[in-house]
Amino acid sequence: MGDGPFWRDLKLTDPLNQAIWDNSAAVQLEIGPPERLRAVNSIGAQQAMIEGAPYRNVPCLPWVPDLLTQHWKARSAILIVGSAYAGFIREYSGGKGMPIAEYVKAYRERSIKLFIDSFRNTVIPNWRYYDFTEDLIGRLEATGNDVAGFALFDVCRASFVCRSRAASPAHGLASRQEG
């Protein structure tokens, strides 16, 4: 399901998403500085737990932008609100999800489009949550409901996790975190 045409219509630019993308890393650094999130059992934003030499100049990654369709503001669009994103950065999430290098590239280029393209290809197909979202909208449409579009977002915009291991000295990355 998660990699079908349903997800290809995501809107790749939006002024509010861009403002969140541009400002969220600074806000996150105030909420939970990386140095407070490196110990085992630390709880906080996965985006602020970034470590390793290649990411030395990345203090924190932006929060996940809303997943929007072109007509998400229409009267018959629906809002789907979750509680918080699970851990989805591949190197910190048991080898499943978005590669950190793609997230960092999107951050460095200030590109929500790069982020959403990667999220669509690496996260959506691997988490059943997105299958349920697609199924819900499909069922609504199949029963005659007009669903013009949707906005999918979480109340907690960071990927909130509990770190289960400290960084490995060999590669500077945490081996696993639980969401």
Protein backbone atom coordinates (compact mmCIF):
# COMPACT_ATOMS: atom_id res chain seq x y z
CA MET A 1 0.00 0.00 0.00
CA GLY A 2 2.26 2.82 1.27
CA ASP A 3 4.17 3.36 -1.95
CA GLY A 4 1.22 3.54 -4.37
CA PRO A 5 -0.29 6.48 -6.25
CA PHE A 6 -2.22 7.64 -3.18
CA TRP A 7 0.93 9.22 -1.74
CA ARG A 8 2.22 10.69 -5.00
CA ASP A 9 -0.11 13.70 -4.77
CA LEU A 10 1.54 15.21 -1.72
CA LYS A 11 2.05 18.94 -1.88
CA LEU A 12 5.75 19.69 -1.83
CA THR A 13 5.63 23.38 -0.94
CA ASP A 14 3.54 25.24 1.61
CA PRO A 15 4.32 28.53 3.41
CA LEU A 16 3.42 27.22 6.89
CA ASN A 17 5.43 24.04 6.36
CA GLN A 18 8.38 26.14 5.24
CA ALA A 19 8.14 28.36 8.34
CA ILE A 20 8.04 25.29 10.60
CA TRP A 21 10.97 23.76 8.71
CA ASP A 22 13.02 26.95 8.93
CA ASN A 23 12.41 27.61 12.64
CA SER A 24 11.85 24.24 14.31
CA ALA A 25 15.50 23.25 14.76
CA ALA A 26 16.17 26.41 16.82
CA VAL A 27 13.04 25.82 18.89
CA GLN A 28 14.00 22.17 19.41
CA LEU A 29 17.47 23.17 20.60
CA GLU A 30 15.84 25.28 23.34
CA ILE A 31 13.47 22.47 24.34
CA GLY A 32 16.00 19.65 24.43
CA PRO A 33 19.63 20.44 23.67
CA PRO A 34 21.56 17.55 22.07
CA GLU A 35 23.99 17.27 24.97
CA ARG A 36 21.06 16.35 27.25
CA LEU A 37 19.91 13.62 24.85
CA ARG A 38 23.04 11.48 24.41
CA ALA A 39 22.80 9.30 27.51
CA VAL A 40 21.00 5.95 27.55
CA ASN A 41 17.31 6.37 28.48
CA SER A 42 17.26 10.02 27.39
CA ILE A 43 13.83 10.98 26.11
CA GLY A 44 13.44 13.63 23.46
CA ALA A 45 13.47 14.49 19.80
CA GLN A 46 15.34 12.06 17.58
CA GLN A 47 16.17 15.07 15.39
CA ALA A 48 18.29 16.49 18.24
CA MET A 49 20.19 13.22 18.88
CA ILE A 50 22.29 13.50 15.73
CA GLU A 51 25.91 12.47 16.19
CA GLY A 52 28.93 11.54 14.13
CA ALA A 53 31.70 13.37 12.33
CA PRO A 54 29.77 13.92 9.06
CA TYR A 55 27.06 15.76 11.03
CA ARG A 56 29.29 17.87 13.28
CA ASN A 57 27.83 21.07 11.76
CA VAL A 58 24.20 19.92 12.13
CA PRO A 59 23.07 20.98 15.61
CA CYS A 60 19.55 19.62 15.14
CA LEU A 61 17.32 18.62 12.26
CA PRO A 62 13.96 20.31 11.55
CA TRP A 63 10.68 18.77 12.59
CA VAL A 64 8.68 16.68 10.15
CA PRO A 65 6.59 18.84 7.81
CA ASP A 66 2.86 18.19 7.47
CA LEU A 67 1.90 15.74 4.75
CA LEU A 68 -0.58 17.69 2.65
CA THR A 69 -2.44 17.08 -0.57
CA GLN A 70 -3.14 19.87 -3.06
CA HIS A 71 -6.69 20.35 -1.78
CA TRP A 72 -6.04 20.00 1.93
CA LYS A 73 -7.82 23.31 2.63
CA ALA A 74 -11.05 22.30 0.84
CA ARG A 75 -14.28 22.04 2.83
CA SER A 76 -14.41 18.30 2.39
CA ALA A 77 -10.76 17.68 3.24
CA ILE A 78 -9.98 15.84 6.43
CA LEU A 79 -7.35 16.42 9.09
CA ILE A 80 -5.60 13.36 10.47
CA VAL A 81 -3.82 14.14 13.72
CA GLY A 82 -1.53 11.70 15.50
CA SER A 83 0.18 12.10 18.85
CA ALA A 84 3.89 11.98 17.86
CA TYR A 85 6.10 10.60 15.12
CA ALA A 86 7.82 7.33 15.95
CA GLY A 87 11.55 7.11 15.40
CA PHE A 88 12.08 7.06 11.65
CA ILE A 89 15.73 7.96 11.05
CA ARG A 90 17.19 4.71 9.68
CA GLU A 91 20.48 4.78 11.54
CA TYR A 92 18.69 5.32 14.84
CA SER A 93 15.64 3.11 14.21
CA GLY A 94 16.82 -0.43 13.72
CA GLY A 95 17.76 0.02 10.06
CA LYS A 96 14.28 1.02 8.89
CA GLY A 97 13.27 4.47 7.69
CA MET A 98 14.84 7.55 6.16
CA PRO A 99 18.63 7.58 5.81
CA ILE A 100 20.11 10.32 7.95
CA ALA A 101 22.15 11.57 4.96
CA GLU A 102 18.91 12.33 3.05
CA TYR A 103 17.43 14.18 6.03
CA VAL A 104 20.62 16.20 6.45
CA LYS A 105 20.73 17.01 2.73
CA ALA A 106 17.13 18.32 2.88
CA TYR A 107 18.06 20.37 5.97
CA ARG A 108 21.16 21.85 4.38
CA GLU A 109 19.26 22.75 1.20
CA ARG A 110 16.23 24.04 3.18
CA SER A 111 14.14 21.73 1.01
CA ILE A 112 10.85 20.33 2.22
CA LYS A 113 10.52 18.75 -1.23
CA LEU A 114 13.67 16.65 -0.71
CA PHE A 115 12.46 15.65 2.75
CA ILE A 116 8.95 14.66 1.62
CA ASP A 117 10.29 12.77 -1.42
CA SER A 118 12.57 10.75 0.85
CA PHE A 119 9.88 10.30 3.54
CA ARG A 120 7.43 9.09 0.88
CA ASN A 121 9.96 6.55 -0.43
CA THR A 122 11.57 5.34 2.79
CA VAL A 123 9.13 5.83 5.66
CA ILE A 124 5.58 5.57 4.29
CA PRO A 125 6.10 2.10 2.73
CA ASN A 126 7.61 0.74 5.96
CA TRP A 127 5.13 1.86 8.63
CA ARG A 128 1.63 0.35 8.68
CA TYR A 129 0.28 3.61 10.11
CA TYR A 130 0.31 5.04 6.60
CA ASP A 131 -1.52 2.01 5.21
CA PHE A 132 -4.27 2.67 7.77
CA THR A 133 -4.45 6.29 6.67
CA GLU A 134 -4.76 5.31 3.01
CA ASP A 135 -7.35 2.65 3.90
CA LEU A 136 -9.43 5.12 5.96
CA ILE A 137 -9.63 7.63 3.13
CA GLY A 138 -10.34 4.87 0.60
CA ARG A 139 -13.23 3.58 2.72
CA LEU A 140 -14.65 7.07 3.15
CA GLU A 141 -14.57 7.62 -0.61
CA ALA A 142 -16.00 4.13 -1.31
CA THR A 143 -19.02 4.91 0.86
CA GLY A 144 -19.82 8.07 -1.07
CA ASN A 145 -18.01 10.62 1.07
CA ASP A 146 -16.32 13.45 -0.78
CA VAL A 147 -12.75 13.66 0.49
CA ALA A 148 -11.12 16.45 -1.47
CA GLY A 149 -7.78 16.10 0.26
CA PHE A 150 -6.14 15.68 3.63
CA ALA A 151 -3.54 17.04 6.00
CA LEU A 152 -1.63 14.53 8.10
CA PHE A 153 0.38 15.77 11.06
CA ASP A 154 1.18 15.04 14.68
CA VAL A 155 0.61 17.15 17.76
CA CYS A 156 4.23 16.55 18.77
CA ARG A 157 6.09 17.44 15.58
CA ALA A 158 9.39 15.91 16.65
CA SER A 159 10.11 12.20 16.43
CA PHE A 160 9.86 11.54 20.16
CA VAL A 161 11.95 8.57 21.32
CA CYS A 162 13.70 7.02 24.29
CA ARG A 163 17.34 6.34 23.51
CA SER A 164 18.14 2.73 24.32
CA ARG A 165 21.90 2.78 23.67
CA ALA A 166 24.70 5.30 23.77
CA ALA A 167 26.59 6.20 20.64
CA SER A 168 28.95 3.57 19.32
CA PRO A 169 32.56 4.80 19.34
CA ALA A 170 33.17 2.96 16.05
CA HIS A 171 30.76 5.02 13.97
CA GLY A 172 29.44 7.73 16.25
CA LEU A 173 25.80 6.78 15.81
CA ALA A 174 23.33 5.42 18.29
CA SER A 175 22.56 1.83 17.42
CA ARG A 176 18.88 1.92 18.21
CA GLN A 177 16.15 4.04 19.71
CA GLU A 178 12.63 3.07 20.57
CA GLY A 179 9.67 5.21 19.57
